[in-house]
Amino acid sequence: MTKLKRLVQALEDIKLRDIIIYDMRTHSPFFDYFIISTASNTRQLDAAIRDVKKGMDELNEGHPRVEGSGGAWALIDAGDIVVNVFTESERTYYNIEKMWMDVPVIDLSEL
């Protein structure tokens, strides 16, 4: 299983909503994929962090760096993949999707 697929599976397994994967390979020298997702509450957000870490361990990819644990937005730096988990109000407020409007989106069914 690819790293991207395993991380998305971790988010889907705990029922995060509105998952979008941006293909950044031709847009950023720092990471290949940028994932945005929505948690219903901070407990679900923290579960996403835990499950992404678990997925990284299963793939022997090491531990990702996490910012925002226990808050309304977490950024999980998994090296070539950046995972953002927002509560609904934070995702609406920041609307970071507007920054990536010209970036290709990967269809989840194609993973």
C-alpha atoms as a PDB file:
ATOM      1  CA  MET A   1       0.000   0.000   0.000  1.00  0.00           C
ATOM      2  CA  THR A   2       1.345   3.425  -0.860  1.00  0.00           C
ATOM      3  CA  LYS A   3       1.961   6.011   1.820  1.00  0.00           C
ATOM      4  CA  LEU A   4      -0.644   8.362   0.325  1.00  0.00           C
ATOM      5  CA  LYS A   5      -3.287   5.650   0.247  1.00  0.00           C
ATOM      6  CA  ARG A   6      -2.515   4.568   3.832  1.00  0.00           C
ATOM      7  CA  LEU A   7      -2.795   8.115   5.184  1.00  0.00           C
ATOM      8  CA  VAL A   8      -6.079   8.726   3.363  1.00  0.00           C
ATOM      9  CA  GLN A   9      -7.351   5.381   4.656  1.00  0.00           C
ATOM     10  CA  ALA A  10      -6.536   6.504   8.211  1.00  0.00           C
ATOM     11  CA  LEU A  11      -8.665   9.621   7.688  1.00  0.00           C
ATOM     12  CA  GLU A  12     -11.523   7.712   6.074  1.00  0.00           C
ATOM     13  CA  ASP A  13     -11.515   5.013   8.763  1.00  0.00           C
ATOM     14  CA  ILE A  14     -12.463   7.544  11.424  1.00  0.00           C
ATOM     15  CA  LYS A  15     -15.050   9.174   9.153  1.00  0.00           C
ATOM     16  CA  LEU A  16     -13.389  12.511   8.400  1.00  0.00           C
ATOM     17  CA  ARG A  17     -15.346  14.454   5.794  1.00  0.00           C
ATOM     18  CA  ASP A  18     -14.604  16.443   2.661  1.00  0.00           C
ATOM     19  CA  ILE A  19     -11.168  14.957   2.055  1.00  0.00           C
ATOM     20  CA  ILE A  20      -9.320  16.693  -0.765  1.00  0.00           C
ATOM     21  CA  ILE A  21      -5.899  15.641  -2.063  1.00  0.00           C
ATOM     22  CA  TYR A  22      -3.920  18.187  -4.045  1.00  0.00           C
ATOM     23  CA  ASP A  23      -1.164  16.914  -6.340  1.00  0.00           C
ATOM     24  CA  MET A  24       1.627  19.379  -5.560  1.00  0.00           C
ATOM     25  CA  ARG A  25       4.436  17.629  -7.438  1.00  0.00           C
ATOM     26  CA  THR A  26       4.661  20.358 -10.083  1.00  0.00           C
ATOM     27  CA  HIS A  27       3.779  23.203  -7.681  1.00  0.00           C
ATOM     28  CA  SER A  28       5.990  22.734  -4.625  1.00  0.00           C
ATOM     29  CA  PRO A  29       9.589  21.657  -4.071  1.00  0.00           C
ATOM     30  CA  PHE A  30       8.810  20.805  -0.437  1.00  0.00           C
ATOM     31  CA  PHE A  31       6.029  18.205  -0.606  1.00  0.00           C
ATOM     32  CA  ASP A  32       4.192  16.080  -3.175  1.00  0.00           C
ATOM     33  CA  TYR A  33       0.672  15.966  -1.755  1.00  0.00           C
ATOM     34  CA  PHE A  34      -1.410  18.341   0.361  1.00  0.00           C
ATOM     35  CA  ILE A  35      -4.452  16.817   2.058  1.00  0.00           C
ATOM     36  CA  ILE A  36      -7.310  18.771   3.634  1.00  0.00           C
ATOM     37  CA  SER A  37     -10.019  17.107   5.720  1.00  0.00           C
ATOM     38  CA  THR A  38     -12.745  17.989   8.214  1.00  0.00           C
ATOM     39  CA  ALA A  39     -13.274  16.522  11.688  1.00  0.00           C
ATOM     40  CA  SER A  40     -16.591  16.814  13.505  1.00  0.00           C
ATOM     41  CA  ASN A  41     -14.889  17.810  16.755  1.00  0.00           C
ATOM     42  CA  THR A  42     -11.502  18.060  18.459  1.00  0.00           C
ATOM     43  CA  ARG A  43     -11.660  14.460  19.703  1.00  0.00           C
ATOM     44  CA  GLN A  44     -12.020  13.219  16.146  1.00  0.00           C
ATOM     45  CA  LEU A  45      -9.197  15.563  15.107  1.00  0.00           C
ATOM     46  CA  ASP A  46      -6.919  14.035  17.754  1.00  0.00           C
ATOM     47  CA  ALA A  47      -7.952  10.548  16.605  1.00  0.00           C
ATOM     48  CA  ALA A  48      -6.872  11.507  13.079  1.00  0.00           C
ATOM     49  CA  ILE A  49      -3.432  12.472  14.380  1.00  0.00           C
ATOM     50  CA  ARG A  50      -3.155   9.158  16.241  1.00  0.00           C
ATOM     51  CA  ASP A  51      -4.251   7.116  13.222  1.00  0.00           C
ATOM     52  CA  VAL A  52      -1.955   8.923  10.784  1.00  0.00           C
ATOM     53  CA  LYS A  53       0.959   8.245  13.149  1.00  0.00           C
ATOM     54  CA  LYS A  54      -0.099   4.598  13.340  1.00  0.00           C
ATOM     55  CA  GLY A  55      -0.230   4.377   9.542  1.00  0.00           C
ATOM     56  CA  MET A  56       3.253   5.863   9.284  1.00  0.00           C
ATOM     57  CA  ASP A  57       4.520   3.302  11.812  1.00  0.00           C
ATOM     58  CA  GLU A  58       2.950   0.449   9.811  1.00  0.00           C
ATOM     59  CA  LEU A  59       4.840   1.627   6.725  1.00  0.00           C
ATOM     60  CA  ASN A  60       8.097   2.134   8.673  1.00  0.00           C
ATOM     61  CA  GLU A  61       8.042   5.808   7.648  1.00  0.00           C
ATOM     62  CA  GLY A  62       8.952   7.214  11.057  1.00  0.00           C
ATOM     63  CA  HIS A  63       6.963   9.678  13.112  1.00  0.00           C
ATOM     64  CA  PRO A  64       5.424  12.711  11.433  1.00  0.00           C
ATOM     65  CA  ARG A  65       5.740  16.152  12.985  1.00  0.00           C
ATOM     66  CA  VAL A  66       2.450  17.503  14.324  1.00  0.00           C
ATOM     67  CA  GLU A  67       1.348  21.046  15.045  1.00  0.00           C
ATOM     68  CA  GLY A  68      -1.987  21.811  16.676  1.00  0.00           C
ATOM     69  CA  SER A  69      -2.745  18.691  18.688  1.00  0.00           C
ATOM     70  CA  GLY A  70      -5.742  19.352  20.951  1.00  0.00           C
ATOM     71  CA  GLY A  71      -6.864  22.349  18.910  1.00  0.00           C
ATOM     72  CA  ALA A  72      -9.227  23.087  16.055  1.00  0.00           C
ATOM     73  CA  TRP A  73      -6.637  22.592  13.300  1.00  0.00           C
ATOM     74  CA  ALA A  74      -3.803  20.110  13.083  1.00  0.00           C
ATOM     75  CA  LEU A  75      -1.037  20.041  10.524  1.00  0.00           C
ATOM     76  CA  ILE A  76       0.695  16.693  10.164  1.00  0.00           C
ATOM     77  CA  ASP A  77       4.004  16.834   8.310  1.00  0.00           C
ATOM     78  CA  ALA A  78       4.639  13.384   6.902  1.00  0.00           C
ATOM     79  CA  GLY A  79       7.580  14.467   4.762  1.00  0.00           C
ATOM     80  CA  ASP A  80       6.363  14.431   1.181  1.00  0.00           C
ATOM     81  CA  ILE A  81       2.720  14.569   2.335  1.00  0.00           C
ATOM     82  CA  VAL A  82       1.167  17.331   4.414  1.00  0.00           C
ATOM     83  CA  VAL A  83      -2.122  16.475   6.114  1.00  0.00           C
ATOM     84  CA  ASN A  84      -4.408  19.200   7.447  1.00  0.00           C
ATOM     85  CA  VAL A  85      -7.305  18.286   9.707  1.00  0.00           C
ATOM     86  CA  PHE A  86      -9.732  21.081  10.572  1.00  0.00           C
ATOM     87  CA  THR A  87     -12.872  21.325  12.607  1.00  0.00           C
ATOM     88  CA  GLU A  88     -15.682  22.562  10.377  1.00  0.00           C
ATOM     89  CA  SER A  89     -15.665  26.135  11.673  1.00  0.00           C
ATOM     90  CA  GLU A  90     -11.869  26.444  11.266  1.00  0.00           C
ATOM     91  CA  ARG A  91     -11.936  25.049   7.744  1.00  0.00           C
ATOM     92  CA  THR A  92     -14.628  27.524   6.769  1.00  0.00           C
ATOM     93  CA  TYR A  93     -12.790  30.395   8.429  1.00  0.00           C
ATOM     94  CA  TYR A  94      -9.374  29.756   6.832  1.00  0.00           C
ATOM     95  CA  ASN A  95     -10.682  28.463   3.486  1.00  0.00           C
ATOM     96  CA  ILE A  96      -7.194  27.410   2.434  1.00  0.00           C
ATOM     97  CA  GLU A  97      -8.621  25.651  -0.616  1.00  0.00           C
ATOM     98  CA  LYS A  98      -8.690  29.046  -2.328  1.00  0.00           C
ATOM     99  CA  MET A  99      -4.870  29.011  -2.394  1.00  0.00           C
ATOM    100  CA  TRP A 100      -4.780  25.796  -4.411  1.00  0.00           C
ATOM    101  CA  MET A 101      -7.518  26.467  -6.973  1.00  0.00           C
ATOM    102  CA  ASP A 102      -5.101  25.913  -9.881  1.00  0.00           C
ATOM    103  CA  VAL A 103      -3.627  22.690  -8.471  1.00  0.00           C
ATOM    104  CA  PRO A 104      -4.851  19.290  -9.728  1.00  0.00           C
ATOM    105  CA  VAL A 105      -6.996  17.292  -7.322  1.00  0.00           C
ATOM    106  CA  ILE A 106      -6.601  13.526  -7.000  1.00  0.00           C
ATOM    107  CA  ASP A 107      -9.812  11.530  -7.075  1.00  0.00           C
ATOM    108  CA  LEU A 108     -10.053   9.399  -3.929  1.00  0.00           C
ATOM    109  CA  SER A 109     -11.483   6.498  -5.907  1.00  0.00           C
ATOM    110  CA  GLU A 110      -8.256   6.336  -7.949  1.00  0.00           C
ATOM    111  CA  LEU A 111      -6.014   5.545  -4.961  1.00  0.00           C
END
